[in-house]
Amino acid sequence: MTADAFVARHLTVHGRVQGVFFRASLRDEAVRLGVTGWARNLPDGAVEAWLEGATDVVDAVEAWVRGGGPPAAAVERLDVDERTPAGHRSFTIG
């Protein structure tokens, strides 16, 4: 896959990721890099996110998540699934 290929990934982020501005920080990082999609809290304490964009920028946002996200967060596990892009035009928080 080339760097300019358009991809979508579904992420489930486990750990201390609610109540630490994880979703807002994820949105800021995604918008800064030109990634679209969404993020929302799950009842089990995880955060679910959908990322769409060029492979290199989606990789960069995923790396930011893997690196722990915002300072108060503690990412313990990240589940990632490749998906078919849905055509999101912005990044929203649910």
PDB file of N, CA and C in Angstrom:
ATOM      1  N   MET A   1       0.854  -1.187   0.000  1.00  0.00           N
ATOM      2  CA  MET A   1       0.000   0.000   0.000  1.00  0.00           C
ATOM      3  C   MET A   1       0.894   1.243   0.000  1.00  0.00           C
ATOM      4  N   THR A   2       0.595   2.203  -0.832  1.00  0.00           N
ATOM      5  CA  THR A   2       1.413   3.406  -0.916  1.00  0.00           C
ATOM      6  C   THR A   2       1.019   4.392   0.166  1.00  0.00           C
ATOM      7  N   ALA A   3       1.898   5.357   0.405  1.00  0.00           N
ATOM      8  CA  ALA A   3       1.675   6.342   1.463  1.00  0.00           C
ATOM      9  C   ALA A   3       0.429   7.185   1.200  1.00  0.00           C
ATOM     10  N   ASP A   4       0.048   7.359  -0.078  1.00  0.00           N
ATOM     11  CA  ASP A   4      -1.104   8.200  -0.369  1.00  0.00           C
ATOM     12  C   ASP A   4      -2.408   7.407  -0.506  1.00  0.00           C
ATOM     13  N   ALA A   5      -2.380   6.095  -0.231  1.00  0.00           N
ATOM     14  CA  ALA A   5      -3.599   5.292  -0.266  1.00  0.00           C
ATOM     15  C   ALA A   5      -4.538   5.744   0.855  1.00  0.00           C
ATOM     16  N   PHE A   6      -5.840   5.656   0.595  1.00  0.00           N
ATOM     17  CA  PHE A   6      -6.847   6.071   1.565  1.00  0.00           C
ATOM     18  C   PHE A   6      -7.290   4.836   2.338  1.00  0.00           C
ATOM     19  N   VAL A   7      -7.222   4.904   3.677  1.00  0.00           N
ATOM     20  CA  VAL A   7      -7.553   3.759   4.522  1.00  0.00           C
ATOM     21  C   VAL A   7      -8.522   4.168   5.626  1.00  0.00           C
ATOM     22  N   ALA A   8      -9.120   3.164   6.243  1.00  0.00           N
ATOM     23  CA  ALA A   8      -9.950   3.370   7.432  1.00  0.00           C
ATOM     24  C   ALA A   8      -9.566   2.307   8.445  1.00  0.00           C
ATOM     25  N   ARG A   9      -9.528   2.716   9.711  1.00  0.00           N
ATOM     26  CA  ARG A   9      -9.228   1.781  10.793  1.00  0.00           C
ATOM     27  C   ARG A   9     -10.171   2.023  11.957  1.00  0.00           C
ATOM     28  N   HIS A  10     -10.615   0.923  12.535  1.00  0.00           N
ATOM     29  CA  HIS A  10     -11.443   0.957  13.742  1.00  0.00           C
ATOM     30  C   HIS A  10     -10.529   0.616  14.915  1.00  0.00           C
ATOM     31  N   LEU A  11     -10.480   1.497  15.910  1.00  0.00           N
ATOM     32  CA  LEU A  11      -9.629   1.309  17.075  1.00  0.00           C
ATOM     33  C   LEU A  11     -10.477   1.139  18.326  1.00  0.00           C
ATOM     34  N   THR A  12     -10.064   0.252  19.194  1.00  0.00           N
ATOM     35  CA  THR A  12     -10.619   0.168  20.543  1.00  0.00           C
ATOM     36  C   THR A  12      -9.440   0.298  21.493  1.00  0.00           C
ATOM     37  N   VAL A  13      -9.480   1.352  22.311  1.00  0.00           N
ATOM     38  CA  VAL A  13      -8.371   1.702  23.181  1.00  0.00           C
ATOM     39  C   VAL A  13      -8.752   1.368  24.618  1.00  0.00           C
ATOM     40  N   HIS A  14      -7.962   0.510  25.250  1.00  0.00           N
ATOM     41  CA  HIS A  14      -8.233   0.059  26.615  1.00  0.00           C
ATOM     42  C   HIS A  14      -7.205   0.657  27.571  1.00  0.00           C
ATOM     43  N   GLY A  15      -7.632   0.883  28.791  1.00  0.00           N
ATOM     44  CA  GLY A  15      -6.744   1.424  29.820  1.00  0.00           C
ATOM     45  C   GLY A  15      -7.421   2.595  30.502  1.00  0.00           C
ATOM     46  N   ARG A  16      -6.612   3.529  31.014  1.00  0.00           N
ATOM     47  CA  ARG A  16      -7.162   4.753  31.616  1.00  0.00           C
ATOM     48  C   ARG A  16      -7.320   5.767  30.480  1.00  0.00           C
ATOM     49  N   VAL A  17      -8.481   5.708  29.813  1.00  0.00           N
ATOM     50  CA  VAL A  17      -8.697   6.543  28.629  1.00  0.00           C
ATOM     51  C   VAL A  17     -10.007   7.328  28.690  1.00  0.00           C
ATOM     52  N   GLN A  18     -10.730   7.218  29.791  1.00  0.00           N
ATOM     53  CA  GLN A  18     -11.920   8.049  29.978  1.00  0.00           C
ATOM     54  C   GLN A  18     -11.659   8.993  31.147  1.00  0.00           C
ATOM     55  N   GLY A  19     -12.144  10.222  31.011  1.00  0.00           N
ATOM     56  CA  GLY A  19     -11.958  11.216  32.049  1.00  0.00           C
ATOM     57  C   GLY A  19     -10.584  11.844  32.049  1.00  0.00           C
ATOM     58  N   VAL A  20      -9.828  11.660  30.958  1.00  0.00           N
ATOM     59  CA  VAL A  20      -8.468  12.204  30.861  1.00  0.00           C
ATOM     60  C   VAL A  20      -8.279  12.994  29.556  1.00  0.00           C
ATOM     61  N   PHE A  21      -9.387  13.444  28.961  1.00  0.00           N
ATOM     62  CA  PHE A  21      -9.380  14.216  27.705  1.00  0.00           C
ATOM     63  C   PHE A  21      -8.833  13.424  26.526  1.00  0.00           C
ATOM     64  N   PHE A  22      -8.999  12.098  26.582  1.00  0.00           N
ATOM     65  CA  PHE A  22      -8.477  11.263  25.498  1.00  0.00           C
ATOM     66  C   PHE A  22      -9.163  11.558  24.175  1.00  0.00           C
ATOM     67  N   ARG A  23     -10.511  11.586  24.177  1.00  0.00           N
ATOM     68  CA  ARG A  23     -11.240  11.800  22.917  1.00  0.00           C
ATOM     69  C   ARG A  23     -10.945  13.182  22.332  1.00  0.00           C
ATOM     70  N   ALA A  24     -10.943  14.211  23.167  1.00  0.00           N
ATOM     71  CA  ALA A  24     -10.666  15.569  22.679  1.00  0.00           C
ATOM     72  C   ALA A  24      -9.239  15.672  22.149  1.00  0.00           C
ATOM     73  N   SER A  25      -8.300  15.056  22.846  1.00  0.00           N
ATOM     74  CA  SER A  25      -6.909  15.084  22.391  1.00  0.00           C
ATOM     75  C   SER A  25      -6.736  14.293  21.107  1.00  0.00           C
ATOM     76  N   LEU A  26      -7.456  13.166  20.997  1.00  0.00           N
ATOM     77  CA  LEU A  26      -7.421  12.374  19.768  1.00  0.00           C
ATOM     78  C   LEU A  26      -7.980  13.183  18.607  1.00  0.00           C
ATOM     79  N   ARG A  27      -9.096  13.880  18.846  1.00  0.00           N
ATOM     80  CA  ARG A  27      -9.668  14.733  17.797  1.00  0.00           C
ATOM     81  C   ARG A  27      -8.667  15.799  17.379  1.00  0.00           C
ATOM     82  N   ASP A  28      -8.030  16.454  18.337  1.00  0.00           N
ATOM     83  CA  ASP A  28      -7.055  17.502  18.012  1.00  0.00           C
ATOM     84  C   ASP A  28      -5.908  16.950  17.163  1.00  0.00           C
ATOM     85  N   GLU A  29      -5.398  15.781  17.528  1.00  0.00           N
ATOM     86  CA  GLU A  29      -4.298  15.165  16.777  1.00  0.00           C
ATOM     87  C   GLU A  29      -4.767  14.776  15.373  1.00  0.00           C
ATOM     88  N   ALA A  30      -5.966  14.197  15.275  1.00  0.00           N
ATOM     89  CA  ALA A  30      -6.503  13.802  13.972  1.00  0.00           C
ATOM     90  C   ALA A  30      -6.709  15.015  13.073  1.00  0.00           C
ATOM     91  N   VAL A  31      -7.315  16.062  13.604  1.00  0.00           N
ATOM     92  CA  VAL A  31      -7.563  17.272  12.816  1.00  0.00           C
ATOM     93  C   VAL A  31      -6.240  17.900  12.379  1.00  0.00           C
ATOM     94  N   ARG A  32      -5.277  17.931  13.281  1.00  0.00           N
ATOM     95  CA  ARG A  32      -3.955  18.511  12.960  1.00  0.00           C
ATOM     96  C   ARG A  32      -3.325  17.795  11.765  1.00  0.00           C
ATOM     97  N   LEU A  33      -3.544  16.473  11.682  1.00  0.00           N
ATOM     98  CA  LEU A  33      -2.923  15.679  10.625  1.00  0.00           C
ATOM     99  C   LEU A  33      -3.823  15.453   9.413  1.00  0.00           C
ATOM    100  N   GLY A  34      -5.075  15.892   9.489  1.00  0.00           N
ATOM    101  CA  GLY A  34      -5.987  15.731   8.356  1.00  0.00           C
ATOM    102  C   GLY A  34      -6.706  14.400   8.319  1.00  0.00           C
ATOM    103  N   VAL A  35      -6.899  13.772   9.475  1.00  0.00           N
ATOM    104  CA  VAL A  35      -7.609  12.506   9.566  1.00  0.00           C
ATOM    105  C   VAL A  35      -9.060  12.786   9.963  1.00  0.00           C
ATOM    106  N   THR A  36     -10.002  12.081   9.343  1.00  0.00           N
ATOM    107  CA  THR A  36     -11.416  12.229   9.679  1.00  0.00           C
ATOM    108  C   THR A  36     -11.886  10.990  10.423  1.00  0.00           C
ATOM    109  N   GLY A  37     -13.104  11.079  10.987  1.00  0.00           N
ATOM    110  CA  GLY A  37     -13.675   9.941  11.684  1.00  0.00           C
ATOM    111  C   GLY A  37     -14.404  10.370  12.933  1.00  0.00           C
ATOM    112  N   TRP A  38     -14.288   9.574  13.984  1.00  0.00           N
ATOM    113  CA  TRP A  38     -15.001   9.858  15.222  1.00  0.00           C
ATOM    114  C   TRP A  38     -14.362   9.113  16.384  1.00  0.00           C
ATOM    115  N   ALA A  39     -14.753   9.502  17.611  1.00  0.00           N
ATOM    116  CA  ALA A  39     -14.339   8.810  18.832  1.00  0.00           C
ATOM    117  C   ALA A  39     -15.478   8.883  19.835  1.00  0.00           C
ATOM    118  N   ARG A  40     -15.654   7.807  20.601  1.00  0.00           N
ATOM    119  CA  ARG A  40     -16.691   7.798  21.639  1.00  0.00           C
ATOM    120  C   ARG A  40     -16.265   6.868  22.772  1.00  0.00           C
ATOM    121  N   ASN A  41     -16.809   7.140  23.954  1.00  0.00           N
ATOM    122  CA  ASN A  41     -16.590   6.281  25.107  1.00  0.00           C
ATOM    123  C   ASN A  41     -17.455   5.039  24.997  1.00  0.00           C
ATOM    124  N   LEU A  42     -16.944   3.927  25.510  1.00  0.00           N
ATOM    125  CA  LEU A  42     -17.702   2.692  25.605  1.00  0.00           C
ATOM    126  C   LEU A  42     -18.057   2.426  27.066  1.00  0.00           C
ATOM    127  N   PRO A  43     -19.146   1.719  27.316  1.00  0.00           N
ATOM    128  CA  PRO A  43     -19.572   1.461  28.696  1.00  0.00           C
ATOM    129  C   PRO A  43     -18.530   0.734  29.552  1.00  0.00           C
ATOM    130  N   ASP A  44     -17.636  -0.048  28.923  1.00  0.00           N
ATOM    131  CA  ASP A  44     -16.642  -0.809  29.688  1.00  0.00           C
ATOM    132  C   ASP A  44     -15.404   0.010  30.053  1.00  0.00           C
ATOM    133  N   GLY A  45     -15.396   1.318  29.724  1.00  0.00           N
ATOM    134  CA  GLY A  45     -14.270   2.180  30.066  1.00  0.00           C
ATOM    135  C   GLY A  45     -13.281   2.382  28.934  1.00  0.00           C
ATOM    136  N   ALA A  46     -13.475   1.696  27.820  1.00  0.00           N
ATOM    137  CA  ALA A  46     -12.604   1.859  26.656  1.00  0.00           C
ATOM    138  C   ALA A  46     -13.085   3.043  25.813  1.00  0.00           C
ATOM    139  N   VAL A  47     -12.255   3.426  24.862  1.00  0.00           N
ATOM    140  CA  VAL A  47     -12.622   4.423  23.857  1.00  0.00           C
ATOM    141  C   VAL A  47     -12.575   3.740  22.505  1.00  0.00           C
ATOM    142  N   GLU A  48     -13.608   3.969  21.715  1.00  0.00           N
ATOM    143  CA  GLU A  48     -13.704   3.439  20.358  1.00  0.00           C
ATOM    144  C   GLU A  48     -13.493   4.590  19.393  1.00  0.00           C
ATOM    145  N   ALA A  49     -12.736   4.346  18.325  1.00  0.00           N
ATOM    146  CA  ALA A  49     -12.481   5.409  17.351  1.00  0.00           C
ATOM    147  C   ALA A  49     -12.456   4.838  15.941  1.00  0.00           C
ATOM    148  N   TRP A  50     -12.786   5.705  15.003  1.00  0.00           N
ATOM    149  CA  TRP A  50     -12.733   5.396  13.571  1.00  0.00           C
ATOM    150  C   TRP A  50     -11.827   6.451  12.942  1.00  0.00           C
ATOM    151  N   LEU A  51     -10.802   6.007  12.229  1.00  0.00           N
ATOM    152  CA  LEU A  51      -9.865   6.915  11.574  1.00  0.00           C
ATOM    153  C   LEU A  51      -9.906   6.680  10.076  1.00  0.00           C
ATOM    154  N   GLU A  52      -9.964   7.769   9.297  1.00  0.00           N
ATOM    155  CA  GLU A  52      -9.903   7.680   7.838  1.00  0.00           C
ATOM    156  C   GLU A  52      -8.939   8.730   7.317  1.00  0.00           C
ATOM    157  N   GLY A  53      -8.182   8.350   6.299  1.00  0.00           N
ATOM    158  CA  GLY A  53      -7.292   9.299   5.658  1.00  0.00           C
ATOM    159  C   GLY A  53      -6.197   8.577   4.900  1.00  0.00           C
ATOM    160  N   ALA A  54      -5.209   9.335   4.459  1.00  0.00           N
ATOM    161  CA  ALA A  54      -4.052   8.750   3.789  1.00  0.00           C
ATOM    162  C   ALA A  54      -3.333   7.836   4.778  1.00  0.00           C
ATOM    163  N   THR A  55      -2.776   6.765   4.274  1.00  0.00           N
ATOM    164  CA  THR A  55      -2.127   5.771   5.128  1.00  0.00           C
ATOM    165  C   THR A  55      -1.127   6.397   6.091  1.00  0.00           C
ATOM    166  N   ASP A  56      -0.289   7.298   5.598  1.00  0.00           N
ATOM    167  CA  ASP A  56       0.757   7.846   6.469  1.00  0.00           C
ATOM    168  C   ASP A  56       0.198   8.653   7.631  1.00  0.00           C
ATOM    169  N   VAL A  57      -0.881   9.409   7.426  1.00  0.00           N
ATOM    170  CA  VAL A  57      -1.417  10.208   8.526  1.00  0.00           C
ATOM    171  C   VAL A  57      -2.246   9.356   9.485  1.00  0.00           C
ATOM    172  N   VAL A  58      -2.944   8.348   8.970  1.00  0.00           N
ATOM    173  CA  VAL A  58      -3.660   7.422   9.851  1.00  0.00           C
ATOM    174  C   VAL A  58      -2.637   6.653  10.692  1.00  0.00           C
ATOM    175  N   ASP A  59      -1.538   6.236  10.073  1.00  0.00           N
ATOM    176  CA  ASP A  59      -0.450   5.589  10.822  1.00  0.00           C
ATOM    177  C   ASP A  59       0.061   6.498  11.937  1.00  0.00           C
ATOM    178  N   ALA A  60       0.190   7.790  11.653  1.00  0.00           N
ATOM    179  CA  ALA A  60       0.704   8.744  12.647  1.00  0.00           C
ATOM    180  C   ALA A  60      -0.257   8.890  13.823  1.00  0.00           C
ATOM    181  N   VAL A  61      -1.551   8.947  13.555  1.00  0.00           N
ATOM    182  CA  VAL A  61      -2.528   9.045  14.646  1.00  0.00           C
ATOM    183  C   VAL A  61      -2.537   7.747  15.445  1.00  0.00           C
ATOM    184  N   GLU A  62      -2.487   6.626  14.768  1.00  0.00           N
ATOM    185  CA  GLU A  62      -2.433   5.343  15.478  1.00  0.00           C
ATOM    186  C   GLU A  62      -1.180   5.272  16.359  1.00  0.00           C
ATOM    187  N   ALA A  63      -0.054   5.741  15.859  1.00  0.00           N
ATOM    188  CA  ALA A  63       1.186   5.754  16.650  1.00  0.00           C
ATOM    189  C   ALA A  63       1.040   6.653  17.875  1.00  0.00           C
ATOM    190  N   TRP A  64       0.352   7.784  17.725  1.00  0.00           N
ATOM    191  CA  TRP A  64       0.095   8.677  18.858  1.00  0.00           C
ATOM    192  C   TRP A  64      -0.705   7.941  19.925  1.00  0.00           C
ATOM    193  N   VAL A  65      -1.733   7.191  19.501  1.00  0.00           N
ATOM    194  CA  VAL A  65      -2.534   6.409  20.447  1.00  0.00           C
ATOM    195  C   VAL A  65      -1.662   5.343  21.112  1.00  0.00           C
ATOM    196  N   ARG A  66      -0.902   4.593  20.306  1.00  0.00           N
ATOM    197  CA  ARG A  66      -0.021   3.547  20.851  1.00  0.00           C
ATOM    198  C   ARG A  66       0.992   4.128  21.832  1.00  0.00           C
ATOM    199  N   GLY A  67       1.395   5.357  21.585  1.00  0.00           N
ATOM    200  CA  GLY A  67       2.362   6.024  22.455  1.00  0.00           C
ATOM    201  C   GLY A  67       1.763   6.509  23.765  1.00  0.00           C
ATOM    202  N   GLY A  68       0.467   6.342  23.942  1.00  0.00           N
ATOM    203  CA  GLY A  68      -0.160   6.691  25.212  1.00  0.00           C
ATOM    204  C   GLY A  68      -1.167   7.798  25.153  1.00  0.00           C
ATOM    205  N   GLY A  69      -1.262   8.512  24.037  1.00  0.00           N
ATOM    206  CA  GLY A  69      -2.238   9.594  23.936  1.00  0.00           C
ATOM    207  C   GLY A  69      -1.854  10.774  24.815  1.00  0.00           C
ATOM    208  N   PRO A  70      -2.856  11.444  25.417  1.00  0.00           N
ATOM    209  CA  PRO A  70      -2.564  12.620  26.237  1.00  0.00           C
ATOM    210  C   PRO A  70      -1.846  12.230  27.528  1.00  0.00           C
ATOM    211  N   PRO A  71      -1.201  13.193  28.188  1.00  0.00           N
ATOM    212  CA  PRO A  71      -0.366  12.893  29.355  1.00  0.00           C
ATOM    213  C   PRO A  71      -1.050  12.116  30.485  1.00  0.00           C
ATOM    214  N   ALA A  72      -2.309  12.368  30.768  1.00  0.00           N
ATOM    215  CA  ALA A  72      -2.984  11.710  31.898  1.00  0.00           C
ATOM    216  C   ALA A  72      -3.498  10.314  31.556  1.00  0.00           C
ATOM    217  N   ALA A  73      -3.445   9.930  30.286  1.00  0.00           N
ATOM    218  CA  ALA A  73      -3.951   8.622  29.864  1.00  0.00           C
ATOM    219  C   ALA A  73      -2.915   7.529  30.094  1.00  0.00           C
ATOM    220  N   ALA A  74      -3.394   6.302  30.116  1.00  0.00           N
ATOM    221  CA  ALA A  74      -2.526   5.125  30.191  1.00  0.00           C
ATOM    222  C   ALA A  74      -3.128   4.054  29.286  1.00  0.00           C
ATOM    223  N   VAL A  75      -2.605   3.938  28.080  1.00  0.00           N
ATOM    224  CA  VAL A  75      -3.097   2.952  27.128  1.00  0.00           C
ATOM    225  C   VAL A  75      -2.488   1.600  27.478  1.00  0.00           C
ATOM    226  N   GLU A  76      -3.352   0.644  27.788  1.00  0.00           N
ATOM    227  CA  GLU A  76      -2.894  -0.696  28.148  1.00  0.00           C
ATOM    228  C   GLU A  76      -2.959  -1.656  26.970  1.00  0.00           C
ATOM    229  N   ARG A  77      -3.937  -1.446  26.083  1.00  0.00           N
ATOM    230  CA  ARG A  77      -4.092  -2.319  24.916  1.00  0.00           C
ATOM    231  C   ARG A  77      -4.803  -1.555  23.822  1.00  0.00           C
ATOM    232  N   LEU A  78      -4.402  -1.816  22.589  1.00  0.00           N
ATOM    233  CA  LEU A  78      -5.041  -1.200  21.435  1.00  0.00           C
ATOM    234  C   LEU A  78      -5.406  -2.291  20.447  1.00  0.00           C
ATOM    235  N   ASP A  79      -6.701  -2.398  20.132  1.00  0.00           N
ATOM    236  CA  ASP A  79      -7.184  -3.323  19.112  1.00  0.00           C
ATOM    237  C   ASP A  79      -7.451  -2.524  17.848  1.00  0.00           C
ATOM    238  N   VAL A  80      -6.919  -2.985  16.719  1.00  0.00           N
ATOM    239  CA  VAL A  80      -7.053  -2.261  15.452  1.00  0.00           C
ATOM    240  C   VAL A  80      -7.566  -3.210  14.377  1.00  0.00           C
ATOM    241  N   ASP A  81      -8.585  -2.761  13.653  1.00  0.00           N
ATOM    242  CA  ASP A  81      -9.129  -3.507  12.528  1.00  0.00           C
ATOM    243  C   ASP A  81      -9.150  -2.604  11.305  1.00  0.00           C
ATOM    244  N   GLU A  82      -8.694  -3.133  10.174  1.00  0.00           N
ATOM    245  CA  GLU A  82      -8.791  -2.413   8.908  1.00  0.00           C
ATOM    246  C   GLU A  82     -10.247  -2.460   8.451  1.00  0.00           C
ATOM    247  N   ARG A  83     -10.733  -1.349   7.936  1.00  0.00           N
ATOM    248  CA  ARG A  83     -12.117  -1.264   7.476  1.00  0.00           C
ATOM    249  C   ARG A  83     -12.171  -0.594   6.105  1.00  0.00           C
ATOM    250  N   THR A  84     -13.346  -0.598   5.510  1.00  0.00           N
ATOM    251  CA  THR A  84     -13.579   0.111   4.258  1.00  0.00           C
ATOM    252  C   THR A  84     -13.937   1.557   4.597  1.00  0.00           C
ATOM    253  N   PRO A  85     -13.269   2.540   3.988  1.00  0.00           N
ATOM    254  CA  PRO A  85     -13.589   3.945   4.286  1.00  0.00           C
ATOM    255  C   PRO A  85     -15.069   4.249   4.083  1.00  0.00           C
ATOM    256  N   ALA A  86     -15.608   5.069   4.990  1.00  0.00           N
ATOM    257  CA  ALA A  86     -17.023   5.419   4.960  1.00  0.00           C
ATOM    258  C   ALA A  86     -17.264   6.837   4.430  1.00  0.00           C
ATOM    259  N   GLY A  87     -16.197   7.584   4.177  1.00  0.00           N
ATOM    260  CA  GLY A  87     -16.350   8.916   3.614  1.00  0.00           C
ATOM    261  C   GLY A  87     -16.598  10.025   4.628  1.00  0.00           C
ATOM    262  N   HIS A  88     -16.106   9.855   5.838  1.00  0.00           N
ATOM    263  CA  HIS A  88     -16.255  10.927   6.835  1.00  0.00           C
ATOM    264  C   HIS A  88     -15.576  12.206   6.348  1.00  0.00           C
ATOM    265  N   ARG A  89     -16.179  13.344   6.664  1.00  0.00           N
ATOM    266  CA  ARG A  89     -15.632  14.631   6.206  1.00  0.00           C
ATOM    267  C   ARG A  89     -15.035  15.460   7.336  1.00  0.00           C
ATOM    268  N   SER A  90     -15.214  15.002   8.571  1.00  0.00           N
ATOM    269  CA  SER A  90     -14.672  15.719   9.730  1.00  0.00           C
ATOM    270  C   SER A  90     -14.368  14.686  10.806  1.00  0.00           C
ATOM    271  N   PHE A  91     -13.922  15.165  11.960  1.00  0.00           N
ATOM    272  CA  PHE A  91     -13.692  14.269  13.094  1.00  0.00           C
ATOM    273  C   PHE A  91     -14.602  14.720  14.218  1.00  0.00           C
ATOM    274  N   THR A  92     -15.468  13.814  14.677  1.00  0.00           N
ATOM    275  CA  THR A  92     -16.442  14.155  15.699  1.00  0.00           C
ATOM    276  C   THR A  92     -16.229  13.325  16.960  1.00  0.00           C
ATOM    277  N   ILE A  93     -16.745  13.856  18.062  1.00  0.00           N
ATOM    278  CA  ILE A  93     -16.711  13.142  19.336  1.00  0.00           C
ATOM    279  C   ILE A  93     -18.142  12.815  19.716  1.00  0.00           C
ATOM    280  N   GLY A  94     -18.369  11.567  20.041  1.00  0.00           N
ATOM    281  CA  GLY A  94     -19.695  11.130  20.452  1.00  0.00           C
ATOM    282  C   GLY A  94     -19.770  10.882  21.925  1.00  0.00           C
TER     283      GLY A  94
END
